[in-house]
Structure formats: C-alpha cells, structure tokens
Protein backbone atom coordinates (compact mmCIF):
# COMPACT_ATOMS: atom_id res chain seq x y z
CA MET A 1 3.25 21.71 -10.81
CA SER A 2 6.45 20.60 -9.05
CA TYR A 3 6.74 18.98 -5.66
CA GLN A 4 9.78 19.72 -3.53
CA ASN A 5 11.45 17.59 -0.90
CA ASN A 6 14.50 17.95 1.30
CA ALA A 7 16.58 15.10 -0.16
CA LYS A 8 19.50 17.18 -1.41
CA SER A 9 21.71 14.13 -1.64
CA VAL A 10 19.23 12.64 -4.10
CA LYS A 11 18.43 15.66 -6.23
CA ASP A 12 21.83 17.33 -6.51
CA ASN A 13 24.41 14.55 -6.56
CA TRP A 14 24.35 13.93 -10.29
CA ASP A 15 27.92 12.77 -10.82
CA ALA A 16 29.02 10.37 -13.56
CA SER A 17 28.43 7.34 -11.35
CA ARG A 18 24.81 8.24 -10.57
CA LEU A 19 24.16 8.94 -14.25
CA GLY A 20 25.57 5.54 -15.11
CA TRP A 21 23.36 3.77 -12.60
CA LEU A 22 20.38 5.74 -13.91
CA GLY A 23 21.03 4.36 -17.39
CA CYS A 24 21.33 0.81 -16.09
CA ALA A 25 18.14 1.13 -14.03
CA TRP A 26 16.27 2.55 -17.03
CA TYR A 27 16.97 -0.55 -19.11
CA GLU A 28 13.81 -2.64 -18.88
CA LYS A 29 15.55 -6.03 -18.79
CA PHE A 30 17.73 -5.13 -15.80
CA GLY A 31 15.54 -6.00 -12.83
CA PRO A 32 16.58 -5.75 -9.17
CA LYS A 33 18.62 -8.95 -9.27
CA SER A 34 20.60 -7.89 -12.34
CA LEU A 35 21.31 -4.46 -10.86
CA ALA A 36 22.35 -6.05 -7.56
CA LYS A 37 24.91 -8.15 -9.47
CA LEU A 38 26.30 -5.03 -11.10
CA TYR A 39 26.50 -3.21 -7.76
CA LYS A 40 28.42 -6.10 -6.25
CA VAL A 41 31.02 -6.21 -9.02
CA PHE A 42 31.44 -2.50 -9.78
CA GLY A 43 30.64 -0.86 -6.44
CA GLU A 44 28.30 2.03 -5.71
CA ASN A 45 30.71 4.74 -6.95
CA LYS A 46 31.39 3.13 -10.34
CA GLY A 47 28.09 3.42 -12.11
CA GLN A 48 29.79 4.96 -15.14
CA GLU A 49 32.03 1.89 -15.46
CA ALA A 50 28.99 -0.39 -15.23
CA TRP A 51 27.19 1.67 -17.87
CA GLN A 52 30.18 1.56 -20.22
CA SER A 53 31.06 -2.07 -19.51
CA SER A 54 31.90 -4.43 -22.34
CA LEU A 55 30.04 -7.62 -23.16
CA ALA A 56 32.65 -9.64 -21.29
CA GLY A 57 32.41 -7.34 -18.26
CA LEU A 58 28.65 -7.68 -18.09
CA VAL A 59 28.76 -11.45 -18.48
CA ASN A 60 31.45 -11.68 -15.78
CA ALA A 61 29.10 -9.73 -13.51
CA GLY A 62 26.45 -12.42 -13.94
CA ILE A 63 24.33 -10.89 -16.72
CA SER A 64 23.27 -13.44 -19.34
CA GLU A 65 24.98 -13.01 -22.69
CA GLN A 66 21.68 -12.50 -24.49
CA THR A 67 20.59 -9.74 -22.09
CA ALA A 68 24.03 -8.15 -22.18
CA GLN A 69 24.06 -8.03 -25.99
CA ALA A 70 20.59 -6.47 -26.03
CA PHE A 71 21.74 -3.88 -23.48
CA LEU A 72 24.79 -2.92 -25.55
CA LYS A 73 22.61 -2.43 -28.63
CA TRP A 74 20.05 -0.35 -26.68
CA ARG A 75 22.81 1.73 -25.06
CA GLN A 76 24.13 2.99 -28.40
CA ASP A 77 21.29 5.49 -28.84
CA ILE A 78 21.02 6.66 -25.23
CA ASP A 79 21.97 10.09 -23.92
CA LEU A 80 22.03 9.90 -20.12
CA GLU A 81 21.57 13.66 -19.80
CA ASN A 82 18.20 13.25 -21.51
CA PHE A 83 17.17 10.74 -18.84
CA LYS A 84 18.29 13.12 -16.10
CA ASN A 85 16.42 16.04 -17.65
CA ARG A 86 13.28 13.96 -18.04
CA LEU A 87 13.30 13.20 -14.33
CA ALA A 88 13.72 16.88 -13.51
CA GLN A 89 10.89 17.82 -15.86
CA ASP A 90 8.53 15.33 -14.19
CA GLY A 91 9.62 16.14 -10.63
CA ILE A 92 10.97 12.62 -10.08
CA ASP A 93 13.92 11.66 -7.87
CA PHE A 94 16.22 8.71 -8.52
CA VAL A 95 16.95 6.78 -5.33
CA LEU A 96 19.69 4.19 -4.89
CA PRO A 97 20.11 1.76 -1.96
CA TRP A 98 22.91 3.79 -0.37
CA ASP A 99 20.93 7.06 -0.37
CA THR A 100 19.45 8.33 2.89
CA PHE A 101 16.09 8.58 1.10
CA TYR A 102 16.00 4.80 0.58
CA PRO A 103 13.47 3.21 3.01
CA ALA A 104 15.09 1.11 5.70
CA ALA A 105 12.34 -1.51 5.40
CA PHE A 106 13.64 -2.50 1.96
CA LYS A 107 17.23 -3.10 3.02
CA ASN A 108 16.60 -6.39 4.82
CA SER A 109 14.08 -7.82 2.38
CA SER A 110 14.66 -10.95 0.31
CA CYS A 111 14.75 -8.94 -2.94
CA PRO A 112 15.34 -5.24 -2.24
CA PRO A 113 14.58 -2.79 -5.04
CA ALA A 114 17.90 -1.91 -6.64
CA ALA A 115 16.69 1.54 -7.68
CA LEU A 116 13.56 3.58 -7.10
CA PHE A 117 11.87 6.40 -8.96
CA TRP A 118 10.24 8.71 -6.44
CA ARG A 119 7.93 11.70 -6.24
CA GLY A 120 7.12 13.49 -3.03
CA ALA A 121 8.35 13.43 0.53
CA GLN A 122 10.56 11.06 2.43
CA LEU A 123 8.65 8.41 4.36
CA SER A 124 7.95 9.05 8.02
CA LYS A 125 9.56 7.00 10.78
CA LYS A 126 6.12 5.88 11.97
CA PRO A 127 4.90 2.29 11.56
CA TRP A 128 3.55 1.63 8.06
CA VAL A 129 0.54 -0.57 7.41
CA ALA A 130 -0.46 -1.75 3.93
CA VAL A 131 -4.19 -1.74 3.21
CA VAL A 132 -5.12 -3.47 -0.05
CA GLY A 133 -8.12 -5.05 -1.70
CA THR A 134 -10.35 -5.48 -4.69
CA ARG A 135 -11.01 -2.93 -7.41
CA LYS A 136 -14.71 -3.94 -7.24
CA MET A 137 -15.25 -2.48 -3.80
CA SER A 138 -18.59 -3.00 -2.08
CA THR A 139 -20.27 -0.52 0.25
CA TYR A 140 -19.32 -2.76 3.15
CA GLY A 141 -15.69 -2.85 1.97
CA ARG A 142 -15.54 0.92 1.63
CA ARG A 143 -16.93 1.47 5.13
CA ALA A 144 -14.62 -1.13 6.66
CA CYS A 145 -11.59 0.32 4.87
CA MET A 146 -12.38 3.89 5.91
CA GLN A 147 -12.89 2.98 9.54
CA ILE A 148 -9.82 0.76 9.87
CA VAL A 149 -7.53 3.24 8.13
CA SER A 150 -8.87 6.15 10.17
CA GLU A 151 -8.24 4.24 13.40
CA LEU A 152 -4.72 3.27 12.32
CA VAL A 153 -3.79 6.83 11.41
CA GLN A 154 -5.29 8.27 14.58
CA ALA A 155 -3.23 5.79 16.58
CA GLY A 156 0.00 6.85 14.87
CA ALA A 157 0.49 4.63 11.82
CA ASP A 158 0.81 5.63 8.15
CA ILE A 159 -0.68 3.85 5.14
CA VAL A 160 0.79 2.34 1.97
CA SER A 161 -1.21 0.90 -0.93
CA GLY A 162 -1.15 0.60 -4.71
CA MET A 163 -3.44 3.48 -5.82
CA ALA A 164 -5.62 1.10 -7.84
CA LEU A 165 -9.35 1.62 -8.10
CA GLY A 166 -11.46 0.40 -5.21
CA ILE A 167 -9.97 -0.44 -1.82
CA ASP A 168 -6.48 0.91 -2.64
CA ALA A 169 -7.77 4.36 -3.53
CA CYS A 170 -10.14 4.31 -0.56
CA ALA A 171 -7.22 3.53 1.78
CA HIS A 172 -5.20 6.50 0.48
CA GLN A 173 -8.18 8.83 0.72
CA ALA A 174 -9.06 7.70 4.25
CA ALA A 175 -5.45 8.24 5.36
CA LEU A 176 -5.46 11.75 3.92
CA ASP A 177 -8.84 12.53 5.48
CA ALA A 178 -7.36 11.52 8.86
CA ASN A 179 -4.30 13.78 8.26
CA GLY A 180 -1.91 10.85 7.90
CA GLN A 181 0.91 10.27 5.46
CA THR A 182 0.27 7.83 2.65
CA ALA A 183 2.50 6.32 -0.02
CA ALA A 184 1.42 4.77 -3.32
CA VAL A 185 3.54 2.11 -4.99
CA LEU A 186 2.89 1.97 -8.74
CA ALA A 187 3.43 -0.64 -11.43
CA GLY A 188 4.51 1.85 -14.07
CA GLY A 189 6.08 5.26 -14.56
CA LEU A 190 5.44 8.19 -12.23
CA ASP A 191 5.18 10.79 -14.99
CA LYS A 192 1.72 12.22 -15.52
CA ALA A 193 1.27 10.47 -18.89
CA SER A 194 1.96 7.06 -17.31
CA LEU A 195 0.00 7.38 -14.05
CA TYR A 196 -2.66 4.70 -13.89
CA PRO A 197 -5.57 4.65 -13.60
CA VAL A 198 -6.14 8.05 -15.19
CA SER A 199 -9.15 8.65 -12.94
CA ASN A 200 -6.84 8.55 -9.90
CA GLN A 201 -4.59 11.38 -11.07
CA PRO A 202 -6.36 13.87 -8.75
CA LEU A 203 -5.71 11.42 -5.90
CA ALA A 204 -2.02 11.29 -6.85
CA GLU A 205 -1.83 15.08 -6.69
CA ARG A 206 -3.59 15.12 -3.34
CA ILE A 207 -1.09 12.57 -1.97
CA LEU A 208 1.84 14.70 -3.12
CA LEU A 209 0.36 17.96 -1.83
CA ASN A 210 -0.10 16.40 1.63
CA LYS A 211 3.50 15.24 2.18
CA GLY A 212 2.88 11.79 0.72
CA ALA A 213 4.89 9.89 -1.87
CA LEU A 214 4.62 7.97 -5.12
CA LEU A 215 7.28 5.37 -5.82
CA SER A 216 8.04 2.78 -8.46
CA GLU A 217 10.83 0.57 -9.75
CA PHE A 218 9.83 1.53 -13.29
CA PRO A 219 11.19 4.61 -15.13
CA PRO A 220 9.02 7.35 -16.64
CA GLY A 221 7.13 6.29 -19.72
CA THR A 222 6.60 2.73 -18.51
CA LYS A 223 3.02 1.53 -18.91
CA ASN A 224 1.22 -0.27 -16.10
CA LEU A 225 1.28 -3.81 -17.46
CA ARG A 226 -0.09 -6.93 -15.79
CA PRO A 227 3.38 -8.58 -15.45
CA HIS A 228 4.50 -5.56 -13.41
CA PHE A 229 1.91 -5.96 -10.65
CA PRO A 230 3.60 -8.80 -8.72
CA GLN A 231 6.75 -6.65 -8.58
CA ARG A 232 4.69 -3.70 -7.32
CA ASN A 233 2.93 -5.92 -4.77
CA ARG A 234 6.30 -7.12 -3.48
CA LEU A 235 7.27 -3.55 -2.60
CA ILE A 236 3.96 -2.90 -0.83
CA ALA A 237 4.33 -6.07 1.23
CA THR A 238 7.92 -5.24 2.14
CA LEU A 239 7.45 -1.58 2.99
CA ALA A 240 4.77 -2.25 5.61
CA GLN A 241 5.12 -3.92 8.99
CA ALA A 242 1.62 -5.36 8.58
CA VAL A 243 -0.75 -5.96 5.67
CA VAL A 244 -4.54 -5.69 5.89
CA VAL A 245 -6.65 -7.24 3.11
CA VAL A 246 -10.16 -5.78 3.11
CA GLU A 247 -11.87 -7.46 0.13
CA ALA A 248 -10.24 -9.81 -2.39
CA GLY A 249 -11.08 -12.62 -4.78
CA LEU A 250 -9.33 -15.97 -4.55
CA GLU A 251 -6.77 -15.27 -7.29
CA SER A 252 -6.43 -11.54 -6.72
CA GLY A 253 -3.30 -9.42 -6.49
CA SER A 254 -4.23 -8.54 -2.92
CA VAL A 255 -4.00 -12.21 -1.90
CA LEU A 256 -0.60 -12.34 -3.62
CA THR A 257 0.47 -9.27 -1.64
CA ALA A 258 -0.54 -11.04 1.57
CA LYS A 259 1.47 -14.13 0.63
CA LEU A 260 4.48 -12.01 -0.26
CA ALA A 261 4.14 -10.30 3.12
CA LEU A 262 4.29 -13.66 4.87
CA ASP A 263 7.46 -14.47 2.92
CA GLU A 264 8.95 -11.26 4.30
CA ASN A 265 7.89 -12.14 7.87
CA ARG A 266 5.21 -9.47 7.97
CA ASP A 267 1.92 -9.80 9.86
CA VAL A 268 -1.15 -10.40 7.69
CA PHE A 269 -4.72 -9.48 8.61
CA ALA A 270 -7.96 -10.09 6.75
CA VAL A 271 -11.32 -8.38 7.19
CA PRO A 272 -14.16 -10.94 7.12
CA GLY A 273 -17.04 -10.17 4.80
CA PRO A 274 -20.44 -11.49 3.70
CA ILE A 275 -20.12 -15.13 2.72
CA MET A 276 -22.00 -14.72 -0.57
CA ASN A 277 -19.80 -11.88 -1.82
CA PRO A 278 -17.00 -13.05 -4.19
CA GLY A 279 -14.91 -10.27 -2.69
CA SER A 280 -14.92 -12.22 0.57
CA PHE A 281 -13.61 -15.47 -0.91
CA GLY A 282 -9.97 -14.42 -0.89
CA VAL A 283 -9.99 -12.94 2.60
CA HIS A 284 -11.79 -15.94 4.05
CA ASP A 285 -9.21 -18.22 2.41
CA LEU A 286 -6.45 -16.14 4.02
CA LEU A 287 -8.17 -16.56 7.39
CA ARG A 288 -8.31 -20.32 6.88
CA GLN A 289 -4.58 -20.27 6.13
CA GLY A 290 -3.77 -18.46 9.37
CA ALA A 291 -4.17 -14.74 8.70
CA GLN A 292 -5.35 -12.81 11.74
CA ILE A 293 -8.87 -11.46 11.78
CA CYS A 294 -9.23 -7.70 11.51
CA THR A 295 -12.40 -6.04 12.75
CA SER A 296 -10.78 -2.74 13.74
CA GLY A 297 -7.52 -0.86 13.56
CA ASN A 298 -6.84 -1.92 17.12
CA ASP A 299 -6.71 -5.58 16.02
CA VAL A 300 -3.71 -4.67 13.86
CA LEU A 301 -1.98 -2.56 16.48
CA ALA A 302 -2.50 -5.07 19.28
CA ASN A 303 -1.46 -8.16 17.32
CA SER A 304 1.36 -7.10 15.02
CA ARG A 305 5.03 -6.19 15.28
CA VAL A 306 4.68 -2.59 14.25
CA GLY A 307 7.63 -1.57 16.38
CA VAL A 308 5.83 0.65 18.88
CA LYS A 309 3.02 0.20 21.34
CA LEU A 310 -0.05 1.90 19.94
CA SER A 311 -3.64 1.78 21.02
CA ILE A 312 -6.90 3.34 19.94
CA PRO A 313 -8.56 5.21 22.80
CA GLU A 314 -11.98 4.07 23.92
CA ARG A 315 -14.83 6.38 23.05
CA PRO A 316 -18.39 6.51 24.35
CA LEU A 317 -21.18 5.15 22.23
CA THR A 318 -23.22 7.63 20.24
CA ASN A 319 -26.96 7.81 20.91
CA ASP A 320 -27.72 5.98 17.63
CA GLU A 321 -25.19 3.25 18.40
CA ARG A 322 -26.60 2.70 21.87
CA ARG A 323 -30.19 2.57 20.58
CA ILE A 324 -29.28 0.06 17.86
CA LEU A 325 -27.44 -2.13 20.37
CA ASP A 326 -30.46 -2.05 22.65
CA MET A 327 -32.77 -3.10 19.80
CA CYS A 328 -30.42 -5.93 18.80
CA ARG A 329 -30.75 -7.77 22.10
CA THR A 330 -32.95 -9.97 19.93
CA PRO A 331 -32.30 -10.32 16.16
CA ALA A 332 -33.41 -7.17 14.32
CA HIS A 333 -33.63 -6.61 10.57
CA ILE A 334 -32.25 -3.33 9.22
CA ASP A 335 -35.70 -2.35 7.91
CA GLU A 336 -37.06 -2.63 11.44
CA LEU A 337 -34.20 -0.49 12.77
CA VAL A 338 -34.88 2.14 10.11
CA ARG A 339 -38.58 2.22 11.00
CA LEU A 340 -38.12 2.34 14.76
CA LEU A 341 -35.33 4.93 14.69
CA GLN A 342 -36.99 6.96 11.95
CA SER A 343 -33.72 7.36 10.13
CA SER A 344 -32.43 6.68 6.61
CA PRO A 345 -31.20 3.24 5.50
CA ALA A 346 -27.81 4.78 4.67
CA VAL A 347 -27.31 6.16 8.19
CA ILE A 348 -28.51 2.98 9.90
CA GLY A 349 -26.40 0.82 7.57
CA ALA A 350 -23.27 2.87 8.27
CA THR A 351 -23.89 2.71 12.04
CA CYS A 352 -24.41 -1.05 11.89
CA THR A 353 -21.15 -1.43 9.97
CA THR A 354 -19.35 0.58 12.66
CA LEU A 355 -20.84 -1.61 15.38
CA GLU A 356 -19.84 -4.73 13.45
CA MET A 357 -16.25 -3.48 13.27
CA MET A 358 -16.40 -2.86 17.04
CA ASP A 359 -17.50 -6.51 17.46
CA ALA A 360 -20.66 -5.23 19.17
CA ILE A 361 -23.14 -6.88 16.77
CA ILE A 362 -23.01 -9.62 14.17
CA GLU A 363 -25.04 -10.15 11.01
CA SER A 364 -26.78 -13.40 11.90
CA GLU A 365 -28.78 -13.45 8.64
CA ALA A 366 -29.03 -11.18 5.62
CA GLN A 367 -29.25 -7.64 7.07
CA THR A 368 -30.37 -9.02 10.41
CA TYR A 369 -28.21 -8.05 13.38
CA GLN A 370 -27.80 -9.50 16.83
CA LEU A 371 -25.94 -8.31 19.93
CA THR A 372 -22.60 -9.99 20.78
CA PRO A 373 -21.26 -10.58 24.31
CA LYS A 374 -19.00 -7.55 23.82
CA GLY A 375 -22.02 -5.51 22.75
CA ARG A 376 -23.85 -6.50 25.93
CA GLN A 377 -20.87 -5.34 27.99
CA MET A 378 -20.84 -2.03 26.15
CA LEU A 379 -24.43 -1.43 27.29
CA LEU A 380 -23.54 -1.86 30.96
CA PRO A 381 -23.56 1.34 33.06
CA HIS A 382 -19.79 1.44 33.64
CA PHE A 383 -19.31 2.04 29.91
CA ASP A 384 -21.33 5.26 30.09
C-alpha cells in the first residue's frame, strides 16, 4: 500500500544535489551536527560535491578525520540510485531543511534535524501537543490520556508522540478517534520491516490512512536501538508547543522528553497519579521541579503558549456524574457507589476518573472519593 501526499517539491526534485545529500544523511555516523557543518560549507545546492568530497574537504568542513575516513570507505560501495529507489518502494519522502515540507517548529530549535525521512501528510498549521508516557500503562493512565487527548483535539490541537507501547500508542489512538491529526516520531527506519514495535504496525497504517505522518532521522533499515531514543525524544519535544507527561518512572524516556522540552522553551505539564504507582514517580518529580499540573486538556490550552486562544466548551453533567457527585459530599468508596447506583465497577470507575480530571472529586483514600469545592459548585442550580 502506498500513501500519497502533495509535496511535489519533495518527491520529484531528485537532482544530483538531493541525491548527494541523501547519501550523506544515510551514513549512520553523520548526525545532525555533522550534516549541518556540511550544509554550511557546501551550500544546499551542492550535495553532490559534499558526497564526492575528499578527505581534506570533509576535514575542512569540520568532520573528524576518523569519521571522514570511515565515510570514504563506506561510500565506495554505495549506489545513490538504490537509496532513492528504496525510498520510493517504501513510500518514504526525504525532507531537507529548505523544503516546504520541513516543519517550522524545527527551524529555531537548538539542534534542528538536518534531514528527515517521512511517510504521510504534511503537518497541519494547528498547535501541536506532545503526549508521552510509560509503556506500562495503568487503567488510570489510559483513561486520563484518552480524555486529555480528546479534549485537546476537540479544542483544535493535534497530537505528536513516539508510537511506543502504552501511553504513546493510546495518545495516537485517542487523537484518531477524535478525528484529529497525529504524528509519530520513530527511533528507527520507517520501512515496514523496521517499524517498532511490530504490534503497532496496524496503528501506523491507521495514522497514515487518516492524514497523519510518521517521521524519523534514521534511514530505512535502521533498527530501533536504545541509543536512538534520546534523539527521537528531542524531535518530539521540539515539534510540540507543549508536552504532557501522563505516567512515567523516574528515569524514563518521557521524563527526558520533558526536560528536553524545557531546554527548547516549551511548556511542560504532568498528570498527577496514585502515589503508590511507580508510574507516578516521574510525573510527581516533574511537578516538584516546576511542571504545571494537568487535570484536563483545558489546563494545557489555558496555561501554555500554543499560539492561539483555545478553550474547551463547558458541558452539562451526565446523570451518573451528578449522582456520584451528590454521593461524594461525604467520602464514598467505589464499592458503595457501585452498590447504590446499581452499575458495574468499570462504568463507575470510568466516571470517577472523568470527575477527577474535571477536578470535581479527589481520591482521599484508596478508591474513596470526596467532593472538591469545584464539585460543589458544579452541583449548584446555575450549572444545570
């Protein structure tokens, strides 16, 4: 299956210069800083000269002699047309910083990607919010992620994440369910054989079929290796105007993404969680360090520099929500709510999670909920 886009300047402009830059970008030891040095010396229209450069020319451009020698040896067996044909076969575009397809958010970052491999549509001009978190997602984390993402998309934002298991995948799925655009930044190749995790390949296809995008700094055939993840996280943090961490351990990649976002002057939000859950340790540490609390999508829209004024419209309480709020005037355990409302634990649990995200109730003890001042206001007649 192929996925089309309207970036003619990307797909069709395969002159000698673009082929040369493709070869340079394919070399695994030329990261964004090395490529940026080559761009500065050779210029955007002289990719062929950079590709064919001598050892002295590469060293003069700022490439270490050891890396330059390794590149010259690797280059001997390379046919650039094969690289170009491989991209076409996999439906992948090659995007350079001067292409119109290149996201504007990257241009002013501290370390812009020097080349991107891309599948799918061009990114919308809407505000982008990154939603990231643990692979070991809890039921609470899934509910919080789905609600926050749905609210953000309904208000006019789009969602970027890393398509990992857990919160990342949930964020993409919630964005698609809300008819929003979503982009996945990967730590390996975009070809089908390299997509990781394998179980998320149907999700990747759904993203592409719904005008979303997959992007990576790594060429086809590159495995998703642990050293690649900080580089991937850097792109996620840079692409978004705000980052929301739903669940994360203390040393997790999601916490690193949040710190990278702060380095790029992005707003960082963290969703508080149960204090005994290891998945809450990282987000609570972020809150202690100054991240803003996120209990709804509106928290992000009201307290971040997303570039436009967005708000989530008020909605009336459902009958179940109102009845639960009324019962939580005094602390009420979830088992009591299930018995009194004659409903299932799953339904009551989901409704309680929604009310928590609305700051209408708090979990005062394990599965015991109590009305907040905001919840009391919501029960007043003028909210009917």
